[in-house]
Amino acid sequence: MASTFSTDLKLELMATGENAGTWGTKTNTNLNLIQQAISGFEQITISSGGTTALVMSNASISTARNMIIKFATVTLSGGTTVTIPDSIEKFYIFDCTAVTNPTNLTIKTASGTGFTPNASLIYAAYTDGTNLKEVSLDTLGGTIGTTQIADDAVTNDKVADDAVNTAQLVNDAVTNAKVADDAVNTSQIVNDAVTASKLARKFTISTSSPSGGNDGDIWFKYS
């Protein structure tokens, strides 16, 4: 029985009793291909308005097998496409930092869909055997605490209207140092999102006398 090749990385799958005396060479080739898939880097030249097809060849070093694809310096004046072969499943990092007008670029599978970079940045994506899907920050889970926000990091242009609601704020996450002057206005905060527990310093209105709290808290007592 002759060798076959794996679906995703096109590694040679040798049949029992085949390739006597050459197993070492073929195994080393497979290991090199695995290495390329895990850590390979290649700079790819693309042309404005054209289509560049990355390839995944059986048992040989190939452009589409690299983990990191960096696009060489180019200005894209019209629609430009880069394709990944169909029917493979793989993770990619695309470096578009040298691309001017990257919104003219589409990165996709040969027959499926993909994504368009919105800036000259670095993008993560994966193929599911049919389409290429971008891994964008707004698709990732998790919460953001105080230590993860640099001082003055939150500015007005970073916060979309109605972006901030209670569930997205860790208690005591928003301190004065984290928010730049005039960064957040009413349109960007969902109604009732900012509760007392979300503030590093508390503002309380109560019929009882002040108790507990921290220095800097504000307490109004009414009868």
N, C-alpha and C. Protein backbone atom coordinates (compact mmCIF):
# COMPACT_ATOMS: atom_id res chain seq x y z
N MET A 1 0.85 -1.20 0.00
CA MET A 1 0.00 0.00 0.00
C MET A 1 0.89 1.25 0.00
N ALA A 2 0.57 2.20 -0.84
CA ALA A 2 1.37 3.42 -0.94
C ALA A 2 1.07 4.36 0.21
N SER A 3 1.96 5.33 0.42
CA SER A 3 1.75 6.34 1.45
C SER A 3 0.51 7.16 1.15
N THR A 4 -0.12 7.67 2.23
CA THR A 4 -1.18 8.67 2.11
C THR A 4 -0.71 9.92 2.82
N PHE A 5 -1.51 10.98 2.77
CA PHE A 5 -1.08 12.24 3.35
C PHE A 5 -2.18 12.80 4.25
N SER A 6 -1.76 13.36 5.40
CA SER A 6 -2.71 13.87 6.37
C SER A 6 -3.51 15.04 5.79
N THR A 7 -4.72 15.21 6.30
CA THR A 7 -5.65 16.20 5.73
C THR A 7 -5.17 17.63 5.92
N ASP A 8 -4.73 17.97 7.13
CA ASP A 8 -4.45 19.38 7.44
C ASP A 8 -3.03 19.81 7.08
N LEU A 9 -2.02 19.05 7.51
CA LEU A 9 -0.63 19.47 7.31
C LEU A 9 0.07 18.74 6.18
N LYS A 10 -0.61 17.80 5.54
CA LYS A 10 -0.07 17.06 4.39
C LYS A 10 1.22 16.31 4.75
N LEU A 11 1.24 15.73 5.95
CA LEU A 11 2.36 14.89 6.35
C LEU A 11 2.23 13.53 5.68
N GLU A 12 3.37 12.91 5.38
CA GLU A 12 3.33 11.60 4.74
C GLU A 12 3.03 10.53 5.78
N LEU A 13 1.98 9.76 5.54
CA LEU A 13 1.59 8.66 6.42
C LEU A 13 1.99 7.36 5.74
N MET A 14 3.09 6.79 6.21
CA MET A 14 3.68 5.64 5.52
C MET A 14 2.98 4.34 5.90
N ALA A 15 2.77 3.50 4.92
CA ALA A 15 2.12 2.22 5.14
C ALA A 15 3.13 1.22 5.72
N THR A 16 2.63 0.24 6.45
CA THR A 16 3.49 -0.79 7.02
C THR A 16 4.26 -1.53 5.92
N GLY A 17 5.57 -1.65 6.12
CA GLY A 17 6.40 -2.37 5.16
C GLY A 17 6.86 -1.53 4.00
N GLU A 18 6.45 -0.26 3.94
CA GLU A 18 6.82 0.59 2.81
C GLU A 18 8.06 1.41 3.14
N ASN A 19 8.75 1.86 2.10
CA ASN A 19 9.88 2.79 2.21
C ASN A 19 11.03 2.22 3.04
N ALA A 20 11.35 0.97 2.81
CA ALA A 20 12.48 0.35 3.51
C ALA A 20 13.75 1.15 3.26
N GLY A 21 14.45 1.47 4.33
CA GLY A 21 15.71 2.21 4.21
C GLY A 21 15.55 3.71 4.10
N THR A 22 14.31 4.22 3.96
CA THR A 22 14.12 5.66 3.82
C THR A 22 13.21 6.25 4.90
N TRP A 23 12.86 5.42 5.89
CA TRP A 23 11.98 5.91 6.95
C TRP A 23 12.61 7.10 7.69
N GLY A 24 13.90 7.05 7.91
CA GLY A 24 14.57 8.15 8.61
C GLY A 24 14.43 9.46 7.86
N THR A 25 14.68 9.43 6.56
CA THR A 25 14.58 10.64 5.74
C THR A 25 13.15 11.17 5.73
N LYS A 26 12.20 10.27 5.53
CA LYS A 26 10.80 10.70 5.44
C LYS A 26 10.29 11.19 6.80
N THR A 27 10.72 10.54 7.87
CA THR A 27 10.32 11.00 9.20
C THR A 27 10.89 12.39 9.49
N ASN A 28 12.13 12.62 9.13
CA ASN A 28 12.73 13.94 9.33
C ASN A 28 11.99 15.01 8.52
N THR A 29 11.56 14.64 7.32
CA THR A 29 10.77 15.58 6.52
C THR A 29 9.47 15.92 7.24
N ASN A 30 8.79 14.91 7.76
CA ASN A 30 7.56 15.16 8.52
C ASN A 30 7.81 16.06 9.71
N LEU A 31 8.91 15.84 10.43
CA LEU A 31 9.22 16.68 11.59
C LEU A 31 9.47 18.13 11.17
N ASN A 32 10.12 18.32 10.05
CA ASN A 32 10.35 19.68 9.55
C ASN A 32 9.04 20.36 9.18
N LEU A 33 8.10 19.58 8.65
CA LEU A 33 6.80 20.15 8.29
C LEU A 33 6.01 20.52 9.54
N ILE A 34 6.10 19.69 10.56
CA ILE A 34 5.45 20.03 11.84
C ILE A 34 6.06 21.29 12.43
N GLN A 35 7.38 21.38 12.36
CA GLN A 35 8.06 22.58 12.85
C GLN A 35 7.58 23.82 12.11
N GLN A 36 7.44 23.73 10.79
CA GLN A 36 6.96 24.87 10.02
C GLN A 36 5.55 25.26 10.45
N ALA A 37 4.70 24.26 10.71
CA ALA A 37 3.32 24.55 11.09
C ALA A 37 3.24 25.22 12.46
N ILE A 38 4.16 24.85 13.37
CA ILE A 38 4.13 25.38 14.73
C ILE A 38 4.81 26.75 14.82
N SER A 39 5.92 26.91 14.12
CA SER A 39 6.72 28.12 14.33
C SER A 39 7.21 28.78 13.04
N GLY A 40 6.74 28.29 11.89
CA GLY A 40 7.24 28.82 10.63
C GLY A 40 6.84 30.27 10.38
N PHE A 41 7.76 31.02 9.80
CA PHE A 41 7.55 32.42 9.42
C PHE A 41 7.95 32.59 7.97
N GLU A 42 7.12 33.29 7.20
CA GLU A 42 7.48 33.58 5.82
C GLU A 42 6.90 34.92 5.40
N GLN A 43 7.73 35.69 4.70
CA GLN A 43 7.26 36.96 4.14
C GLN A 43 6.74 36.71 2.73
N ILE A 44 5.51 37.15 2.49
CA ILE A 44 4.84 36.91 1.23
C ILE A 44 4.65 38.22 0.48
N THR A 45 4.97 38.22 -0.79
CA THR A 45 4.76 39.40 -1.63
C THR A 45 3.40 39.31 -2.30
N ILE A 46 2.61 40.36 -2.15
CA ILE A 46 1.30 40.41 -2.80
C ILE A 46 1.26 41.63 -3.71
N SER A 47 0.39 41.61 -4.70
CA SER A 47 0.27 42.69 -5.67
C SER A 47 -1.10 43.34 -5.56
N SER A 48 -1.13 44.66 -5.61
CA SER A 48 -2.39 45.39 -5.52
C SER A 48 -3.34 44.96 -6.64
N GLY A 49 -4.56 44.59 -6.26
CA GLY A 49 -5.55 44.20 -7.24
C GLY A 49 -5.49 42.74 -7.66
N GLY A 50 -4.49 42.00 -7.17
CA GLY A 50 -4.32 40.61 -7.58
C GLY A 50 -4.77 39.62 -6.52
N THR A 51 -4.63 38.34 -6.85
CA THR A 51 -4.94 37.25 -5.92
C THR A 51 -3.70 36.41 -5.73
N THR A 52 -3.33 36.19 -4.49
CA THR A 52 -2.18 35.35 -4.16
C THR A 52 -2.69 34.12 -3.44
N ALA A 53 -2.42 32.95 -4.01
CA ALA A 53 -2.90 31.70 -3.42
C ALA A 53 -1.76 31.04 -2.65
N LEU A 54 -1.91 30.93 -1.33
CA LEU A 54 -0.96 30.18 -0.53
C LEU A 54 -1.25 28.69 -0.73
N VAL A 55 -0.20 27.88 -0.73
CA VAL A 55 -0.37 26.46 -1.06
C VAL A 55 0.07 25.57 0.09
N MET A 56 -0.50 24.38 0.13
CA MET A 56 -0.13 23.35 1.09
C MET A 56 0.12 22.07 0.31
N SER A 57 1.39 21.81 0.04
CA SER A 57 1.75 20.66 -0.80
C SER A 57 2.06 19.44 0.05
N ASN A 58 1.81 18.27 -0.52
CA ASN A 58 2.11 17.03 0.19
C ASN A 58 3.60 16.88 0.47
N ALA A 59 3.94 16.67 1.75
CA ALA A 59 5.30 16.29 2.16
C ALA A 59 6.39 17.26 1.69
N SER A 60 6.07 18.55 1.60
CA SER A 60 7.10 19.52 1.24
C SER A 60 6.79 20.87 1.86
N ILE A 61 7.85 21.64 2.13
CA ILE A 61 7.70 22.97 2.72
C ILE A 61 6.80 23.80 1.82
N SER A 62 5.79 24.47 2.43
CA SER A 62 4.78 25.19 1.64
C SER A 62 4.37 26.47 2.35
N THR A 63 3.95 27.46 1.58
CA THR A 63 3.62 28.76 2.14
C THR A 63 2.47 28.71 3.14
N ALA A 64 1.44 27.95 2.86
CA ALA A 64 0.25 27.93 3.72
C ALA A 64 0.45 27.16 5.01
N ARG A 65 1.57 26.45 5.15
CA ARG A 65 1.82 25.68 6.36
C ARG A 65 2.43 26.55 7.46
N ASN A 66 3.00 27.69 7.12
CA ASN A 66 3.62 28.55 8.12
C ASN A 66 2.62 29.03 9.16
N MET A 67 3.10 29.19 10.39
CA MET A 67 2.26 29.77 11.43
C MET A 67 2.08 31.27 11.21
N ILE A 68 3.15 31.95 10.83
CA ILE A 68 3.13 33.41 10.69
C ILE A 68 3.36 33.79 9.23
N ILE A 69 2.43 34.55 8.70
CA ILE A 69 2.54 35.08 7.34
C ILE A 69 2.67 36.60 7.44
N LYS A 70 3.79 37.13 6.99
CA LYS A 70 3.98 38.58 6.97
C LYS A 70 3.92 39.05 5.53
N PHE A 71 3.09 40.06 5.28
CA PHE A 71 2.99 40.60 3.94
C PHE A 71 4.05 41.68 3.74
N ALA A 72 4.80 41.55 2.64
CA ALA A 72 5.85 42.51 2.34
C ALA A 72 5.26 43.89 2.09
N THR A 73 6.11 44.90 2.17
CA THR A 73 5.69 46.29 1.98
C THR A 73 4.95 46.48 0.66
N VAL A 74 3.73 47.01 0.76
CA VAL A 74 2.91 47.19 -0.43
C VAL A 74 1.84 48.23 -0.15
N THR A 75 1.46 48.97 -1.19
CA THR A 75 0.31 49.87 -1.12
C THR A 75 -0.80 49.28 -1.97
N LEU A 76 -1.94 49.04 -1.36
CA LEU A 76 -3.05 48.41 -2.07
C LEU A 76 -4.04 49.48 -2.51
N SER A 77 -4.14 49.67 -3.81
CA SER A 77 -5.04 50.70 -4.35
C SER A 77 -6.38 50.12 -4.78
N GLY A 78 -6.49 48.81 -4.79
CA GLY A 78 -7.74 48.16 -5.18
C GLY A 78 -7.90 46.83 -4.48
N GLY A 79 -9.02 46.17 -4.71
CA GLY A 79 -9.31 44.91 -4.06
C GLY A 79 -8.24 43.86 -4.30
N THR A 80 -7.72 43.29 -3.23
CA THR A 80 -6.63 42.32 -3.29
C THR A 80 -6.99 41.14 -2.41
N THR A 81 -6.65 39.92 -2.85
CA THR A 81 -7.08 38.73 -2.14
C THR A 81 -5.89 37.80 -1.89
N VAL A 82 -5.87 37.23 -0.68
CA VAL A 82 -4.94 36.15 -0.35
C VAL A 82 -5.78 34.96 0.08
N THR A 83 -5.51 33.79 -0.50
CA THR A 83 -6.33 32.62 -0.17
C THR A 83 -5.52 31.53 0.52
N ILE A 84 -6.20 30.85 1.42
CA ILE A 84 -5.70 29.65 2.09
C ILE A 84 -6.40 28.46 1.45
N PRO A 85 -5.72 27.33 1.28
CA PRO A 85 -6.38 26.17 0.66
C PRO A 85 -7.63 25.73 1.43
N ASP A 86 -8.60 25.21 0.71
CA ASP A 86 -9.79 24.63 1.33
C ASP A 86 -9.43 23.36 2.10
N SER A 87 -10.34 22.97 2.97
CA SER A 87 -10.32 21.64 3.62
C SER A 87 -9.13 21.42 4.55
N ILE A 88 -8.52 22.49 5.06
CA ILE A 88 -7.51 22.31 6.11
C ILE A 88 -7.97 23.06 7.35
N GLU A 89 -7.51 22.60 8.51
CA GLU A 89 -7.82 23.24 9.78
C GLU A 89 -6.51 23.67 10.41
N LYS A 90 -6.37 24.98 10.65
CA LYS A 90 -5.07 25.49 11.11
C LYS A 90 -5.21 26.88 11.69
N PHE A 91 -4.31 27.22 12.61
CA PHE A 91 -4.24 28.55 13.21
C PHE A 91 -3.18 29.38 12.49
N TYR A 92 -3.45 30.69 12.32
CA TYR A 92 -2.52 31.58 11.61
C TYR A 92 -2.35 32.90 12.35
N ILE A 93 -1.20 33.53 12.13
CA ILE A 93 -0.98 34.93 12.49
C ILE A 93 -0.60 35.66 11.21
N PHE A 94 -1.34 36.72 10.88
CA PHE A 94 -1.08 37.50 9.67
C PHE A 94 -0.55 38.87 10.08
N ASP A 95 0.65 39.19 9.62
CA ASP A 95 1.29 40.48 9.92
C ASP A 95 1.06 41.43 8.75
N CYS A 96 0.19 42.41 8.99
CA CYS A 96 -0.16 43.39 7.95
C CYS A 96 0.44 44.75 8.23
N THR A 97 1.47 44.81 9.06
CA THR A 97 2.01 46.10 9.49
C THR A 97 2.69 46.86 8.35
N ALA A 98 3.10 46.17 7.28
CA ALA A 98 3.76 46.84 6.16
C ALA A 98 2.80 47.11 5.00
N VAL A 99 1.52 46.87 5.23
CA VAL A 99 0.51 47.05 4.17
C VAL A 99 -0.17 48.41 4.34
N THR A 100 -0.10 49.24 3.31
CA THR A 100 -0.83 50.51 3.27
C THR A 100 -2.18 50.26 2.59
N ASN A 101 -3.22 50.82 3.18
CA ASN A 101 -4.61 50.60 2.74
C ASN A 101 -5.02 49.12 2.90
N PRO A 102 -4.85 48.55 4.10
CA PRO A 102 -5.17 47.13 4.29
C PRO A 102 -6.65 46.82 4.16
N THR A 103 -7.52 47.84 4.20
CA THR A 103 -8.95 47.57 4.01
C THR A 103 -9.27 47.13 2.59
N ASN A 104 -8.29 47.21 1.69
CA ASN A 104 -8.46 46.68 0.34
C ASN A 104 -8.05 45.20 0.23
N LEU A 105 -7.65 44.61 1.38
CA LEU A 105 -7.17 43.24 1.39
C LEU A 105 -8.23 42.31 2.00
N THR A 106 -8.46 41.18 1.35
CA THR A 106 -9.30 40.12 1.92
C THR A 106 -8.45 38.87 2.04
N ILE A 107 -8.47 38.27 3.25
CA ILE A 107 -7.76 37.01 3.49
C ILE A 107 -8.84 35.96 3.74
N LYS A 108 -8.85 34.89 2.95
CA LYS A 108 -9.96 33.95 2.99
C LYS A 108 -9.51 32.57 2.55
N THR A 109 -10.39 31.59 2.66
CA THR A 109 -10.12 30.30 2.04
C THR A 109 -10.47 30.39 0.55
N ALA A 110 -9.97 29.45 -0.21
CA ALA A 110 -10.14 29.51 -1.67
C ALA A 110 -11.60 29.58 -2.07
N SER A 111 -12.46 28.78 -1.41
CA SER A 111 -13.88 28.73 -1.79
C SER A 111 -14.81 29.32 -0.74
N GLY A 112 -14.27 29.67 0.42
CA GLY A 112 -15.11 30.15 1.51
C GLY A 112 -14.93 31.62 1.79
N THR A 113 -15.20 31.99 3.03
CA THR A 113 -15.13 33.39 3.45
C THR A 113 -13.89 33.63 4.30
N GLY A 114 -13.67 34.91 4.62
CA GLY A 114 -12.54 35.28 5.45
C GLY A 114 -12.79 36.61 6.13
N PHE A 115 -11.76 37.46 6.19
CA PHE A 115 -11.92 38.75 6.84
C PHE A 115 -11.06 39.79 6.14
N THR A 116 -11.36 41.06 6.44
CA THR A 116 -10.60 42.19 5.89
C THR A 116 -9.95 42.94 7.04
N PRO A 117 -8.63 43.08 7.05
CA PRO A 117 -7.96 43.86 8.11
C PRO A 117 -8.46 45.30 8.09
N ASN A 118 -8.68 45.87 9.27
CA ASN A 118 -9.17 47.25 9.33
C ASN A 118 -8.07 48.25 9.61
N ALA A 119 -6.83 47.77 9.80
CA ALA A 119 -5.70 48.66 10.05
C ALA A 119 -4.42 47.88 9.78
N SER A 120 -3.31 48.60 9.73
CA SER A 120 -2.01 47.97 9.48
C SER A 120 -1.46 47.37 10.78
N LEU A 121 -2.05 46.26 11.19
CA LEU A 121 -1.74 45.62 12.46
C LEU A 121 -1.49 44.13 12.25
N ILE A 122 -1.41 43.39 13.35
CA ILE A 122 -1.19 41.94 13.30
C ILE A 122 -2.49 41.25 13.71
N TYR A 123 -2.88 40.21 12.96
CA TYR A 123 -4.17 39.56 13.16
C TYR A 123 -4.01 38.07 13.38
N ALA A 124 -4.85 37.51 14.24
CA ALA A 124 -4.92 36.07 14.45
C ALA A 124 -6.18 35.54 13.78
N ALA A 125 -6.08 34.34 13.22
CA ALA A 125 -7.24 33.74 12.55
C ALA A 125 -7.05 32.23 12.49
N TYR A 126 -8.15 31.52 12.24
CA TYR A 126 -8.05 30.07 12.10
C TYR A 126 -8.99 29.60 10.98
N THR A 127 -8.58 28.52 10.35
CA THR A 127 -9.44 27.90 9.35
C THR A 127 -10.14 26.71 9.99
N ASP A 128 -11.43 26.56 9.68
CA ASP A 128 -12.20 25.44 10.22
C ASP A 128 -12.48 24.37 9.17
N GLY A 129 -11.73 24.43 8.09
CA GLY A 129 -11.93 23.49 6.99
C GLY A 129 -12.80 24.04 5.89
N THR A 130 -13.50 25.15 6.20
CA THR A 130 -14.38 25.78 5.22
C THR A 130 -14.09 27.26 5.07
N ASN A 131 -14.04 27.97 6.20
CA ASN A 131 -13.83 29.42 6.19
C ASN A 131 -12.64 29.82 7.07
N LEU A 132 -12.12 31.01 6.83
CA LEU A 132 -11.08 31.58 7.67
C LEU A 132 -11.74 32.59 8.61
N LYS A 133 -11.54 32.42 9.92
CA LYS A 133 -12.23 33.26 10.90
C LYS A 133 -11.23 34.05 11.73
N GLU A 134 -11.42 35.36 11.77
CA GLU A 134 -10.56 36.22 12.57
C GLU A 134 -10.85 36.03 14.06
N VAL A 135 -9.78 36.02 14.86
CA VAL A 135 -9.93 36.00 16.31
C VAL A 135 -9.73 37.43 16.80
N SER A 136 -10.81 38.18 16.93
CA SER A 136 -10.73 39.58 17.34
C SER A 136 -10.96 39.71 18.84
N LEU A 137 -10.50 40.82 19.41
CA LEU A 137 -10.59 41.01 20.85
C LEU A 137 -12.02 40.98 21.35
N ASP A 138 -12.95 41.49 20.54
CA ASP A 138 -14.34 41.54 21.01
C ASP A 138 -15.02 40.17 21.00
N THR A 139 -14.31 39.12 20.54
CA THR A 139 -14.87 37.77 20.60
C THR A 139 -14.31 36.97 21.77
N LEU A 140 -13.35 37.54 22.49
CA LEU A 140 -12.69 36.82 23.57
C LEU A 140 -13.42 37.04 24.89
N GLY A 141 -13.38 36.05 25.75
CA GLY A 141 -14.02 36.16 27.05
C GLY A 141 -13.09 36.79 28.08
N GLY A 142 -13.58 36.85 29.33
CA GLY A 142 -12.78 37.38 30.42
C GLY A 142 -13.24 38.75 30.87
N THR A 143 -12.69 39.21 31.99
CA THR A 143 -13.01 40.52 32.54
C THR A 143 -11.74 41.34 32.69
N ILE A 144 -11.91 42.64 32.86
CA ILE A 144 -10.78 43.55 32.99
C ILE A 144 -10.81 44.16 34.39
N GLY A 145 -9.74 43.98 35.14
CA GLY A 145 -9.61 44.56 36.47
C GLY A 145 -8.71 45.78 36.45
N THR A 146 -8.60 46.43 37.59
CA THR A 146 -7.85 47.68 37.69
C THR A 146 -6.41 47.54 37.22
N THR A 147 -5.75 46.45 37.62
CA THR A 147 -4.33 46.30 37.30
C THR A 147 -4.07 46.10 35.82
N GLN A 148 -5.13 45.77 35.06
CA GLN A 148 -4.95 45.53 33.62
C GLN A 148 -5.18 46.79 32.78
N ILE A 149 -5.56 47.89 33.41
CA ILE A 149 -5.81 49.13 32.69
C ILE A 149 -4.73 50.14 33.07
N ALA A 150 -3.98 50.61 32.09
CA ALA A 150 -2.95 51.61 32.36
C ALA A 150 -3.58 52.94 32.73
N ASP A 151 -2.86 53.74 33.51
CA ASP A 151 -3.37 55.06 33.86
C ASP A 151 -3.66 55.86 32.60
N ASP A 152 -4.80 56.53 32.57
CA ASP A 152 -5.24 57.36 31.44
C ASP A 152 -5.47 56.56 30.16
N ALA A 153 -5.66 55.23 30.28
CA ALA A 153 -5.83 54.41 29.08
C ALA A 153 -7.22 54.56 28.48
N VAL A 154 -8.21 54.83 29.31
CA VAL A 154 -9.59 54.91 28.84
C VAL A 154 -9.87 56.34 28.37
N THR A 155 -9.94 56.52 27.07
CA THR A 155 -10.24 57.83 26.49
C THR A 155 -11.58 57.75 25.77
N ASN A 156 -12.13 58.90 25.42
CA ASN A 156 -13.46 58.96 24.83
C ASN A 156 -13.58 58.12 23.57
N ASP A 157 -12.55 58.14 22.70
CA ASP A 157 -12.64 57.41 21.44
C ASP A 157 -12.47 55.91 21.60
N LYS A 158 -12.13 55.45 22.81
CA LYS A 158 -11.98 54.01 23.05
C LYS A 158 -13.27 53.36 23.52
N VAL A 159 -14.28 54.17 23.88
CA VAL A 159 -15.50 53.63 24.47
C VAL A 159 -16.68 53.91 23.55
N ALA A 160 -17.29 52.87 23.02
CA ALA A 160 -18.46 53.02 22.15
C ALA A 160 -19.68 53.39 22.98
N ASP A 161 -20.67 54.01 22.34
CA ASP A 161 -21.91 54.34 23.04
C ASP A 161 -22.53 53.07 23.61
N ASP A 162 -22.99 53.16 24.87
CA ASP A 162 -23.62 52.05 25.58
C ASP A 162 -22.71 50.84 25.74
N ALA A 163 -21.40 51.06 25.70
CA ALA A 163 -20.45 49.94 25.80
C ALA A 163 -20.27 49.47 27.23
N VAL A 164 -20.47 50.36 28.18
CA VAL A 164 -20.17 50.04 29.58
C VAL A 164 -21.45 49.72 30.32
N ASN A 165 -21.60 48.49 30.79
CA ASN A 165 -22.71 48.15 31.66
C ASN A 165 -22.18 47.47 32.91
N THR A 166 -23.04 47.22 33.86
CA THR A 166 -22.61 46.72 35.17
C THR A 166 -21.81 45.43 35.09
N ALA A 167 -22.27 44.50 34.25
CA ALA A 167 -21.62 43.19 34.19
C ALA A 167 -20.19 43.27 33.69
N GLN A 168 -19.84 44.36 33.02
CA GLN A 168 -18.51 44.46 32.44
C GLN A 168 -17.52 45.19 33.34
N LEU A 169 -17.96 45.62 34.50
CA LEU A 169 -17.09 46.33 35.43
C LEU A 169 -16.84 45.48 36.67
N VAL A 170 -15.59 45.14 36.92
CA VAL A 170 -15.23 44.48 38.16
C VAL A 170 -15.37 45.49 39.30
N ASN A 171 -15.81 45.06 40.46
CA ASN A 171 -15.92 45.97 41.59
C ASN A 171 -14.60 46.71 41.82
N ASP A 172 -14.69 48.02 42.00
CA ASP A 172 -13.53 48.88 42.26
C ASP A 172 -12.55 48.95 41.09
N ALA A 173 -12.98 48.56 39.88
CA ALA A 173 -12.06 48.57 38.74
C ALA A 173 -11.79 49.98 38.22
N VAL A 174 -12.81 50.84 38.27
CA VAL A 174 -12.67 52.17 37.69
C VAL A 174 -12.20 53.14 38.77
N THR A 175 -10.93 53.48 38.73
CA THR A 175 -10.38 54.47 39.64
C THR A 175 -10.06 55.73 38.85
N ASN A 176 -9.85 56.81 39.56
CA ASN A 176 -9.61 58.11 38.91
C ASN A 176 -8.42 58.06 37.96
N ALA A 177 -7.38 57.34 38.36
CA ALA A 177 -6.16 57.32 37.55
C ALA A 177 -6.32 56.60 36.23
N LYS A 178 -7.34 55.72 36.14
CA LYS A 178 -7.51 54.92 34.93
C LYS A 178 -8.24 55.65 33.82
N VAL A 179 -8.92 56.75 34.15
CA VAL A 179 -9.76 57.42 33.17
C VAL A 179 -9.21 58.80 32.85
N ALA A 180 -8.94 59.04 31.56
CA ALA A 180 -8.44 60.35 31.14
C ALA A 180 -9.53 61.41 31.31
N ASP A 181 -9.12 62.67 31.38
CA ASP A 181 -10.08 63.76 31.51
C ASP A 181 -11.09 63.73 30.36
N ASP A 182 -12.36 63.92 30.68
CA ASP A 182 -13.44 63.97 29.69
C ASP A 182 -13.54 62.71 28.83
N ALA A 183 -13.14 61.55 29.38
CA ALA A 183 -13.11 60.33 28.58
C ALA A 183 -14.48 59.70 28.42
N VAL A 184 -15.29 59.74 29.47
CA VAL A 184 -16.56 59.01 29.45
C VAL A 184 -17.71 59.99 29.62
N ASN A 185 -18.66 59.94 28.68
CA ASN A 185 -19.85 60.78 28.84
C ASN A 185 -21.08 59.88 28.92
N THR A 186 -22.23 60.48 29.13
CA THR A 186 -23.44 59.70 29.42
C THR A 186 -23.83 58.75 28.31
N SER A 187 -23.56 59.09 27.06
CA SER A 187 -23.99 58.21 25.96
C SER A 187 -23.24 56.89 25.95
N GLN A 188 -22.08 56.84 26.63
CA GLN A 188 -21.27 55.63 26.61
C GLN A 188 -21.53 54.71 27.78
N ILE A 189 -22.40 55.11 28.70
CA ILE A 189 -22.68 54.29 29.87
C ILE A 189 -24.15 53.89 29.85
N VAL A 190 -24.39 52.59 29.89
CA VAL A 190 -25.76 52.09 29.94
C VAL A 190 -26.41 52.57 31.24
N ASN A 191 -27.69 52.89 31.18
CA ASN A 191 -28.40 53.34 32.39
C ASN A 191 -28.20 52.35 33.53
N ASP A 192 -27.92 52.89 34.72
CA ASP A 192 -27.77 52.11 35.95
C ASP A 192 -26.54 51.20 35.94
N ALA A 193 -25.59 51.42 35.03
CA ALA A 193 -24.42 50.56 34.96
C ALA A 193 -23.46 50.82 36.11
N VAL A 194 -23.30 52.08 36.49
CA VAL A 194 -22.34 52.44 37.52
C VAL A 194 -23.02 52.37 38.88
N THR A 195 -22.79 51.30 39.59
CA THR A 195 -23.34 51.14 40.93
C THR A 195 -22.25 51.45 41.96
N ALA A 196 -22.65 51.57 43.22
CA ALA A 196 -21.68 51.94 44.26
C ALA A 196 -20.52 50.98 44.32
N SER A 197 -20.78 49.68 44.12
CA SER A 197 -19.71 48.68 44.23
C SER A 197 -18.68 48.79 43.13
N LYS A 198 -19.02 49.51 42.04
CA LYS A 198 -18.08 49.64 40.92
C LYS A 198 -17.10 50.79 41.13
N LEU A 199 -17.33 51.63 42.10
CA LEU A 199 -16.50 52.81 42.31
C LEU A 199 -15.49 52.56 43.42
N ALA A 200 -14.27 53.04 43.20
CA ALA A 200 -13.24 52.89 44.22
C ALA A 200 -13.55 53.74 45.44
N ARG A 201 -14.23 54.87 45.26
CA ARG A 201 -14.68 55.70 46.36
C ARG A 201 -16.19 55.77 46.28
N LYS A 202 -16.88 55.63 47.40
CA LYS A 202 -18.32 55.50 47.42
C LYS A 202 -19.04 56.82 47.65
N PHE A 203 -20.20 56.95 47.01
CA PHE A 203 -21.11 58.08 47.19
C PHE A 203 -22.42 57.49 47.71
N THR A 204 -22.80 57.84 48.95
CA THR A 204 -23.95 57.19 49.58
C THR A 204 -24.94 58.24 50.08
N ILE A 205 -26.23 58.01 49.83
CA ILE A 205 -27.31 58.80 50.41
C ILE A 205 -28.14 57.87 51.27
N SER A 206 -28.30 58.20 52.55
CA SER A 206 -28.95 57.27 53.46
C SER A 206 -29.60 58.04 54.61
N THR A 207 -30.57 57.39 55.28
CA THR A 207 -31.17 57.97 56.48
C THR A 207 -30.37 57.63 57.73
N SER A 208 -29.42 56.71 57.61
CA SER A 208 -28.63 56.31 58.77
C SER A 208 -27.33 57.09 58.84
N SER A 209 -26.68 56.99 59.97
CA SER A 209 -25.39 57.67 60.15
C SER A 209 -24.29 56.93 59.40
N PRO A 210 -23.26 57.64 58.96
CA PRO A 210 -22.16 56.98 58.25
C PRO A 210 -21.49 55.92 59.12
N SER A 211 -21.15 54.82 58.49
CA SER A 211 -20.39 53.78 59.19
C SER A 211 -19.57 53.01 58.18
N GLY A 212 -18.40 52.59 58.59
CA GLY A 212 -17.54 51.85 57.68
C GLY A 212 -17.01 52.74 56.57
N GLY A 213 -16.76 52.17 55.42
CA GLY A 213 -16.27 52.93 54.28
C GLY A 213 -14.78 53.20 54.34
N ASN A 214 -14.32 54.06 53.44
CA ASN A 214 -12.90 54.39 53.32
C ASN A 214 -12.72 55.90 53.27
N ASP A 215 -11.50 56.34 53.54
CA ASP A 215 -11.20 57.76 53.42
C ASP A 215 -11.51 58.21 52.00
N GLY A 216 -12.21 59.33 51.86
CA GLY A 216 -12.56 59.83 50.55
C GLY A 216 -13.97 59.53 50.14
N ASP A 217 -14.67 58.61 50.85
CA ASP A 217 -16.07 58.33 50.55
C ASP A 217 -16.93 59.55 50.89
N ILE A 218 -18.02 59.71 50.17
CA ILE A 218 -18.96 60.81 50.42
C ILE A 218 -20.27 60.22 50.90
N TRP A 219 -20.79 60.73 52.01
CA TRP A 219 -21.99 60.19 52.63
C TRP A 219 -22.94 61.33 52.94
N PHE A 220 -24.15 61.26 52.39
CA PHE A 220 -25.18 62.25 52.70
C PHE A 220 -26.26 61.58 53.55
N LYS A 221 -26.57 62.21 54.69
CA LYS A 221 -27.63 61.70 55.54
C LYS A 221 -28.82 62.65 55.46
N TYR A 222 -30.01 62.08 55.27
CA TYR A 222 -31.21 62.92 55.25
C TYR A 222 -32.24 62.33 56.21
N SER A 223 -33.18 63.18 56.65
CA SER A 223 -34.20 62.76 57.61
C SER A 223 -35.49 62.41 56.86
